[in-house]
Amino acid sequence: MKLAAILILLSGALACSQATPNPVYAPITEQPGLPRVLIIGDSISVGYTLPVRKQLAGVANVLRIPVNAGTSGNGVFQMDAWLGKEKWDAIHFNFGLHDLKRLSDGEPQVAIEPYERYLRLFVKRLQATGAKLIWATTTPVPEGPVAPQRKPEDVVAYNAAALRVMKENGVAIDDLYAFALPRLKEIQHPANVHFTNPGSEALATQVVAAIRKALAETRAPAPQTR
């Protein structure tokens, strides 16, 4: 084989090995004067970020962390870098699917007790930003085998633990679990925790409603006292 042909083949293999950057993670040009919203979450949130941004165009600057958030423990480790020193008007966040993922020994990646503890630490840090906080419940795991292994009943247990933390801290709830559960066959891939494009669009409408409500509350005048 001639050298030129070999070089072409090698360059093609290299190009294929480099993943195409996900546009969800690309920096955005913010519109001055609009409230700033931050989305924190795993690949489920990656799926609904762009439609949320589209639906809130002209209403809010919607940003997200530049990675898949992973576990709650990773969130605690990364929270200062993700939040920075910028002002946030609302923060929509979730952890759960990575925490409850079962490892080769059958144990969850992060057990419920440390999961709840990490969430408390994370919420405390978020509260320091002064932003309106919105917790998204973890979306359902379908019945049957999924890879990596996850169990539908674990989602219920982890959501219950998270809701204890959020209610104790006055955090608003965006119940994506309750929204998605009755329509999983319509919006979720078979034997997969991820959602179809129309499914992500549907989740986005729920997220947008929660964000709009939060932003309206941040603009509401404080009650008068005498």
C-alpha atoms as a PDB file:
ATOM      1  CA  MET A   1       0.000   0.000   0.000  1.00  0.00           C
ATOM      2  CA  LYS A   2       1.368   3.422  -0.932  1.00  0.00           C
ATOM      3  CA  LEU A   3       2.340   5.814   1.844  1.00  0.00           C
ATOM      4  CA  ALA A   4      -0.270   8.385   0.808  1.00  0.00           C
ATOM      5  CA  ALA A   5      -3.053   5.809   1.032  1.00  0.00           C
ATOM      6  CA  ILE A   6      -1.852   4.682   4.463  1.00  0.00           C
ATOM      7  CA  LEU A   7      -1.833   8.270   5.702  1.00  0.00           C
ATOM      8  CA  ILE A   8      -5.384   8.789   4.438  1.00  0.00           C
ATOM      9  CA  LEU A   9      -6.568   5.659   6.245  1.00  0.00           C
ATOM     10  CA  LEU A  10      -4.824   6.692   9.459  1.00  0.00           C
ATOM     11  CA  SER A  11      -6.265  10.206   9.344  1.00  0.00           C
ATOM     12  CA  GLY A  12      -9.749   8.776   8.784  1.00  0.00           C
ATOM     13  CA  ALA A  13      -9.391   6.410  11.731  1.00  0.00           C
ATOM     14  CA  LEU A  14      -8.206   9.272  13.921  1.00  0.00           C
ATOM     15  CA  ALA A  15     -11.171  11.418  12.905  1.00  0.00           C
ATOM     16  CA  CYS A  16     -13.585   8.611  13.717  1.00  0.00           C
ATOM     17  CA  SER A  17     -11.960   8.080  17.116  1.00  0.00           C
ATOM     18  CA  GLN A  18     -12.559  11.693  18.135  1.00  0.00           C
ATOM     19  CA  ALA A  19     -16.078  12.168  19.446  1.00  0.00           C
ATOM     20  CA  THR A  20     -18.069  15.000  17.961  1.00  0.00           C
ATOM     21  CA  PRO A  21     -18.441  17.737  20.595  1.00  0.00           C
ATOM     22  CA  ASN A  22     -21.921  17.789  22.073  1.00  0.00           C
ATOM     23  CA  PRO A  23     -23.550  21.165  21.267  1.00  0.00           C
ATOM     24  CA  VAL A  24     -25.248  21.036  24.674  1.00  0.00           C
ATOM     25  CA  TYR A  25     -21.874  21.770  26.271  1.00  0.00           C
ATOM     26  CA  ALA A  26     -20.942  24.625  23.937  1.00  0.00           C
ATOM     27  CA  PRO A  27     -20.728  28.102  25.514  1.00  0.00           C
ATOM     28  CA  ILE A  28     -23.659  30.397  24.772  1.00  0.00           C
ATOM     29  CA  THR A  29     -23.840  34.113  24.155  1.00  0.00           C
ATOM     30  CA  GLU A  30     -25.968  35.512  26.927  1.00  0.00           C
ATOM     31  CA  GLN A  31     -28.584  38.156  26.319  1.00  0.00           C
ATOM     32  CA  PRO A  32     -28.010  41.067  28.708  1.00  0.00           C
ATOM     33  CA  GLY A  33     -30.735  41.831  31.188  1.00  0.00           C
ATOM     34  CA  LEU A  34     -32.252  38.344  31.280  1.00  0.00           C
ATOM     35  CA  PRO A  35     -32.227  36.123  34.378  1.00  0.00           C
ATOM     36  CA  ARG A  36     -29.576  33.417  34.479  1.00  0.00           C
ATOM     37  CA  VAL A  37     -30.600  29.789  34.903  1.00  0.00           C
ATOM     38  CA  LEU A  38     -28.226  26.884  35.523  1.00  0.00           C
ATOM     39  CA  ILE A  39     -29.062  23.236  34.775  1.00  0.00           C
ATOM     40  CA  ILE A  40     -27.168  20.557  36.698  1.00  0.00           C
ATOM     41  CA  GLY A  41     -27.768  16.892  35.974  1.00  0.00           C
ATOM     42  CA  ASP A  42     -26.822  13.725  34.138  1.00  0.00           C
ATOM     43  CA  SER A  43     -27.535  12.582  30.576  1.00  0.00           C
ATOM     44  CA  ILE A  44     -31.291  12.918  31.085  1.00  0.00           C
ATOM     45  CA  SER A  45     -30.779  16.647  31.623  1.00  0.00           C
ATOM     46  CA  VAL A  46     -28.400  16.734  28.670  1.00  0.00           C
ATOM     47  CA  GLY A  47     -31.329  15.530  26.564  1.00  0.00           C
ATOM     48  CA  TYR A  48     -33.678  18.309  27.647  1.00  0.00           C
ATOM     49  CA  THR A  49     -31.206  21.215  27.905  1.00  0.00           C
ATOM     50  CA  LEU A  50     -31.446  22.393  24.288  1.00  0.00           C
ATOM     51  CA  PRO A  51     -35.264  22.291  24.090  1.00  0.00           C
ATOM     52  CA  VAL A  52     -35.444  24.096  27.443  1.00  0.00           C
ATOM     53  CA  ARG A  53     -33.096  26.748  26.113  1.00  0.00           C
ATOM     54  CA  LYS A  54     -35.181  27.075  22.951  1.00  0.00           C
ATOM     55  CA  GLN A  55     -38.461  27.377  24.859  1.00  0.00           C
ATOM     56  CA  LEU A  56     -37.007  30.026  27.173  1.00  0.00           C
ATOM     57  CA  ALA A  57     -35.365  32.071  24.425  1.00  0.00           C
ATOM     58  CA  GLY A  58     -35.892  35.750  25.217  1.00  0.00           C
ATOM     59  CA  VAL A  59     -37.016  34.860  28.738  1.00  0.00           C
ATOM     60  CA  ALA A  60     -33.844  33.586  30.398  1.00  0.00           C
ATOM     61  CA  ASN A  61     -30.244  32.719  29.664  1.00  0.00           C
ATOM     62  CA  VAL A  62     -30.149  28.940  30.151  1.00  0.00           C
ATOM     63  CA  LEU A  63     -26.727  27.523  30.903  1.00  0.00           C
ATOM     64  CA  ARG A  64     -25.640  24.097  32.089  1.00  0.00           C
ATOM     65  CA  ILE A  65     -22.583  22.502  33.593  1.00  0.00           C
ATOM     66  CA  PRO A  66     -20.212  21.403  30.797  1.00  0.00           C
ATOM     67  CA  VAL A  67     -20.330  17.704  31.758  1.00  0.00           C
ATOM     68  CA  ASN A  68     -22.582  14.862  32.798  1.00  0.00           C
ATOM     69  CA  ALA A  69     -22.979  15.502  36.535  1.00  0.00           C
ATOM     70  CA  GLY A  70     -22.596  11.837  37.498  1.00  0.00           C
ATOM     71  CA  THR A  71     -23.114  10.916  41.144  1.00  0.00           C
ATOM     72  CA  SER A  72     -24.067  13.150  44.057  1.00  0.00           C
ATOM     73  CA  GLY A  73     -20.575  12.637  45.454  1.00  0.00           C
ATOM     74  CA  ASN A  74     -19.089  13.987  42.237  1.00  0.00           C
ATOM     75  CA  GLY A  75     -21.448  16.948  42.550  1.00  0.00           C
ATOM     76  CA  VAL A  76     -20.120  17.794  46.000  1.00  0.00           C
ATOM     77  CA  PHE A  77     -16.557  17.542  44.695  1.00  0.00           C
ATOM     78  CA  GLN A  78     -17.272  19.749  41.656  1.00  0.00           C
ATOM     79  CA  MET A  79     -19.847  22.194  43.046  1.00  0.00           C
ATOM     80  CA  ASP A  80     -17.575  25.189  43.512  1.00  0.00           C
ATOM     81  CA  ALA A  81     -16.197  24.854  39.987  1.00  0.00           C
ATOM     82  CA  TRP A  82     -19.696  24.475  38.521  1.00  0.00           C
ATOM     83  CA  LEU A  83     -21.207  27.406  40.368  1.00  0.00           C
ATOM     84  CA  GLY A  84     -18.250  29.761  40.093  1.00  0.00           C
ATOM     85  CA  LYS A  85     -18.709  33.263  41.426  1.00  0.00           C
ATOM     86  CA  GLU A  86     -21.411  34.293  38.992  1.00  0.00           C
ATOM     87  CA  LYS A  87     -24.937  35.278  39.912  1.00  0.00           C
ATOM     88  CA  TRP A  88     -27.661  32.696  39.326  1.00  0.00           C
ATOM     89  CA  ASP A  89     -31.357  33.465  39.452  1.00  0.00           C
ATOM     90  CA  ALA A  90     -32.538  29.828  39.348  1.00  0.00           C
ATOM     91  CA  ILE A  91     -30.791  26.459  39.504  1.00  0.00           C
ATOM     92  CA  HIS A  92     -32.526  23.284  38.289  1.00  0.00           C
ATOM     93  CA  PHE A  93     -30.654  20.204  39.510  1.00  0.00           C
ATOM     94  CA  ASN A  94     -30.758  16.425  39.961  1.00  0.00           C
ATOM     95  CA  PHE A  95     -28.641  13.445  40.979  1.00  0.00           C
ATOM     96  CA  GLY A  96     -29.777   9.853  41.263  1.00  0.00           C
ATOM     97  CA  LEU A  97     -29.473   7.602  38.229  1.00  0.00           C
ATOM     98  CA  HIS A  98     -25.707   7.269  38.644  1.00  0.00           C
ATOM     99  CA  ASP A  99     -25.952   6.861  42.405  1.00  0.00           C
ATOM    100  CA  LEU A 100     -28.398   3.945  42.223  1.00  0.00           C
ATOM    101  CA  LYS A 101     -26.570   2.215  39.378  1.00  0.00           C
ATOM    102  CA  ARG A 102     -25.632  -1.309  40.483  1.00  0.00           C
ATOM    103  CA  LEU A 103     -21.965  -2.273  40.286  1.00  0.00           C
ATOM    104  CA  SER A 104     -20.530  -5.716  39.517  1.00  0.00           C
ATOM    105  CA  ASP A 105     -20.925  -6.727  43.164  1.00  0.00           C
ATOM    106  CA  GLY A 106     -24.627  -5.852  43.049  1.00  0.00           C
ATOM    107  CA  GLU A 107     -24.274  -2.856  45.333  1.00  0.00           C
ATOM    108  CA  PRO A 108     -25.341   0.669  44.305  1.00  0.00           C
ATOM    109  CA  GLN A 109     -22.599   3.045  43.261  1.00  0.00           C
ATOM    110  CA  VAL A 110     -23.653   5.396  46.077  1.00  0.00           C
ATOM    111  CA  ALA A 111     -25.839   3.953  48.861  1.00  0.00           C
ATOM    112  CA  ILE A 112     -28.890   5.896  50.047  1.00  0.00           C
ATOM    113  CA  GLU A 113     -27.315   7.138  53.282  1.00  0.00           C
ATOM    114  CA  PRO A 114     -24.310   8.873  51.678  1.00  0.00           C
ATOM    115  CA  TYR A 115     -26.560   9.985  48.794  1.00  0.00           C
ATOM    116  CA  GLU A 116     -28.762  11.869  51.235  1.00  0.00           C
ATOM    117  CA  ARG A 117     -25.726  13.275  53.019  1.00  0.00           C
ATOM    118  CA  TYR A 118     -24.179  14.500  49.754  1.00  0.00           C
ATOM    119  CA  LEU A 119     -27.458  16.136  48.755  1.00  0.00           C
ATOM    120  CA  ARG A 120     -27.552  18.059  52.023  1.00  0.00           C
ATOM    121  CA  LEU A 121     -24.044  19.366  51.396  1.00  0.00           C
ATOM    122  CA  PHE A 122     -24.895  20.255  47.816  1.00  0.00           C
ATOM    123  CA  VAL A 123     -28.115  22.073  48.734  1.00  0.00           C
ATOM    124  CA  LYS A 124     -26.316  24.075  51.398  1.00  0.00           C
ATOM    125  CA  ARG A 125     -23.803  25.257  48.805  1.00  0.00           C
ATOM    126  CA  LEU A 126     -26.542  26.079  46.290  1.00  0.00           C
ATOM    127  CA  GLN A 127     -28.447  28.090  48.882  1.00  0.00           C
ATOM    128  CA  ALA A 128     -25.382  30.275  49.339  1.00  0.00           C
ATOM    129  CA  THR A 129     -25.825  31.522  45.753  1.00  0.00           C
ATOM    130  CA  GLY A 130     -29.168  33.134  46.594  1.00  0.00           C
ATOM    131  CA  ALA A 131     -30.751  31.444  43.565  1.00  0.00           C
ATOM    132  CA  LYS A 132     -34.215  29.918  43.511  1.00  0.00           C
ATOM    133  CA  LEU A 133     -33.574  26.165  43.695  1.00  0.00           C
ATOM    134  CA  ILE A 134     -35.541  23.504  41.804  1.00  0.00           C
ATOM    135  CA  TRP A 135     -34.986  19.806  42.446  1.00  0.00           C
ATOM    136  CA  ALA A 136     -35.924  17.421  39.640  1.00  0.00           C
ATOM    137  CA  THR A 137     -36.952  13.973  40.812  1.00  0.00           C
ATOM    138  CA  THR A 138     -35.061  11.140  39.168  1.00  0.00           C
ATOM    139  CA  THR A 139     -36.833   9.742  36.122  1.00  0.00           C
ATOM    140  CA  PRO A 140     -38.038   6.114  36.085  1.00  0.00           C
ATOM    141  CA  VAL A 141     -36.028   3.033  35.238  1.00  0.00           C
ATOM    142  CA  PRO A 142     -38.055   0.750  32.930  1.00  0.00           C
ATOM    143  CA  GLU A 143     -39.018  -2.758  33.963  1.00  0.00           C
ATOM    144  CA  GLY A 144     -36.776  -5.545  32.685  1.00  0.00           C
ATOM    145  CA  PRO A 145     -33.019  -5.762  32.152  1.00  0.00           C
ATOM    146  CA  VAL A 146     -31.139  -2.532  31.522  1.00  0.00           C
ATOM    147  CA  ALA A 147     -27.407  -1.992  31.240  1.00  0.00           C
ATOM    148  CA  PRO A 148     -25.824  -0.865  33.493  1.00  0.00           C
ATOM    149  CA  GLN A 149     -28.113  -2.580  35.977  1.00  0.00           C
ATOM    150  CA  ARG A 150     -30.664  -0.368  37.692  1.00  0.00           C
ATOM    151  CA  LYS A 151     -33.844  -1.298  39.554  1.00  0.00           C
ATOM    152  CA  PRO A 152     -37.167   0.565  39.293  1.00  0.00           C
ATOM    153  CA  GLU A 153     -37.753   0.280  43.041  1.00  0.00           C
ATOM    154  CA  ASP A 154     -34.425   1.972  43.743  1.00  0.00           C
ATOM    155  CA  VAL A 155     -35.641   5.097  41.965  1.00  0.00           C
ATOM    156  CA  VAL A 156     -38.593   5.266  44.351  1.00  0.00           C
ATOM    157  CA  ALA A 157     -36.328   4.874  47.387  1.00  0.00           C
ATOM    158  CA  TYR A 158     -33.751   7.410  46.231  1.00  0.00           C
ATOM    159  CA  ASN A 159     -36.442   9.907  45.291  1.00  0.00           C
ATOM    160  CA  ALA A 160     -37.943   9.557  48.764  1.00  0.00           C
ATOM    161  CA  ALA A 161     -34.572  10.289  50.354  1.00  0.00           C
ATOM    162  CA  ALA A 162     -34.036  13.300  48.100  1.00  0.00           C
ATOM    163  CA  LEU A 163     -37.498  14.679  48.806  1.00  0.00           C
ATOM    164  CA  ARG A 164     -36.792  14.589  52.547  1.00  0.00           C
ATOM    165  CA  VAL A 165     -33.787  16.819  51.985  1.00  0.00           C
ATOM    166  CA  MET A 166     -35.566  19.189  49.625  1.00  0.00           C
ATOM    167  CA  LYS A 167     -38.673  19.617  51.753  1.00  0.00           C
ATOM    168  CA  GLU A 168     -36.583  20.283  54.858  1.00  0.00           C
ATOM    169  CA  ASN A 169     -34.748  23.012  52.948  1.00  0.00           C
ATOM    170  CA  GLY A 170     -37.716  24.562  51.167  1.00  0.00           C
ATOM    171  CA  VAL A 171     -36.513  23.563  47.702  1.00  0.00           C
ATOM    172  CA  ALA A 172     -39.114  23.588  44.905  1.00  0.00           C
ATOM    173  CA  ILE A 173     -39.870  20.200  43.313  1.00  0.00           C
ATOM    174  CA  ASP A 174     -40.082  19.448  39.598  1.00  0.00           C
ATOM    175  CA  ASP A 175     -41.574  15.947  39.672  1.00  0.00           C
ATOM    176  CA  LEU A 176     -40.234  14.528  36.420  1.00  0.00           C
ATOM    177  CA  TYR A 177     -40.700  11.003  37.806  1.00  0.00           C
ATOM    178  CA  ALA A 178     -44.461  11.441  38.186  1.00  0.00           C
ATOM    179  CA  PHE A 179     -44.665  13.073  34.758  1.00  0.00           C
ATOM    180  CA  ALA A 180     -42.713  10.361  32.935  1.00  0.00           C
ATOM    181  CA  LEU A 181     -43.951   7.209  34.683  1.00  0.00           C
ATOM    182  CA  PRO A 182     -47.401   6.847  33.043  1.00  0.00           C
ATOM    183  CA  ARG A 183     -46.053   7.548  29.550  1.00  0.00           C
ATOM    184  CA  LEU A 184     -42.726   5.675  29.517  1.00  0.00           C
ATOM    185  CA  LYS A 185     -43.662   3.539  26.503  1.00  0.00           C
ATOM    186  CA  GLU A 186     -44.310   6.719  24.539  1.00  0.00           C
ATOM    187  CA  ILE A 187     -41.239   8.759  25.495  1.00  0.00           C
ATOM    188  CA  GLN A 188     -38.477   6.398  26.676  1.00  0.00           C
ATOM    189  CA  HIS A 189     -36.248   4.066  24.675  1.00  0.00           C
ATOM    190  CA  PRO A 190     -37.014   0.351  25.233  1.00  0.00           C
ATOM    191  CA  ALA A 191     -34.919  -1.274  27.994  1.00  0.00           C
ATOM    192  CA  ASN A 192     -33.069   2.014  28.439  1.00  0.00           C
ATOM    193  CA  VAL A 193     -33.178   4.827  30.992  1.00  0.00           C
ATOM    194  CA  HIS A 194     -32.781   7.430  28.255  1.00  0.00           C
ATOM    195  CA  PHE A 195     -35.545   9.216  26.397  1.00  0.00           C
ATOM    196  CA  THR A 196     -36.321   9.639  22.727  1.00  0.00           C
ATOM    197  CA  ASN A 197     -35.990  13.106  21.215  1.00  0.00           C
ATOM    198  CA  PRO A 198     -39.765  13.684  21.553  1.00  0.00           C
ATOM    199  CA  GLY A 199     -39.457  12.353  25.090  1.00  0.00           C
ATOM    200  CA  SER A 200     -36.761  14.884  25.947  1.00  0.00           C
ATOM    201  CA  GLU A 201     -38.931  17.592  24.424  1.00  0.00           C
ATOM    202  CA  ALA A 202     -41.790  16.488  26.667  1.00  0.00           C
ATOM    203  CA  LEU A 203     -39.563  16.580  29.745  1.00  0.00           C
ATOM    204  CA  ALA A 204     -38.394  20.028  28.676  1.00  0.00           C
ATOM    205  CA  THR A 205     -41.926  21.404  28.840  1.00  0.00           C
ATOM    206  CA  GLN A 206     -42.102  20.295  32.483  1.00  0.00           C
ATOM    207  CA  VAL A 207     -38.707  21.784  33.261  1.00  0.00           C
ATOM    208  CA  VAL A 208     -39.631  25.062  31.583  1.00  0.00           C
ATOM    209  CA  ALA A 209     -42.823  25.320  33.614  1.00  0.00           C
ATOM    210  CA  ALA A 210     -40.856  24.817  36.827  1.00  0.00           C
ATOM    211  CA  ILE A 211     -38.262  27.394  35.828  1.00  0.00           C
ATOM    212  CA  ARG A 212     -40.891  29.953  34.809  1.00  0.00           C
ATOM    213  CA  LYS A 213     -42.599  29.532  38.170  1.00  0.00           C
ATOM    214  CA  ALA A 214     -39.306  29.949  40.020  1.00  0.00           C
ATOM    215  CA  LEU A 215     -38.381  33.071  38.077  1.00  0.00           C
ATOM    216  CA  ALA A 216     -41.828  34.558  38.701  1.00  0.00           C
ATOM    217  CA  GLU A 217     -41.321  34.015  42.421  1.00  0.00           C
ATOM    218  CA  THR A 218     -37.932  35.716  42.345  1.00  0.00           C
ATOM    219  CA  ARG A 219     -39.537  38.779  40.729  1.00  0.00           C
ATOM    220  CA  ALA A 220     -42.518  38.894  43.077  1.00  0.00           C
ATOM    221  CA  PRO A 221     -42.459  41.863  45.485  1.00  0.00           C
ATOM    222  CA  ALA A 222     -41.744  41.075  49.087  1.00  0.00           C
ATOM    223  CA  PRO A 223     -44.828  41.131  51.356  1.00  0.00           C
ATOM    224  CA  GLN A 224     -45.390  44.406  53.181  1.00  0.00           C
ATOM    225  CA  THR A 225     -44.942  44.424  56.934  1.00  0.00           C
ATOM    226  CA  ARG A 226     -46.294  46.944  59.381  1.00  0.00           C
END
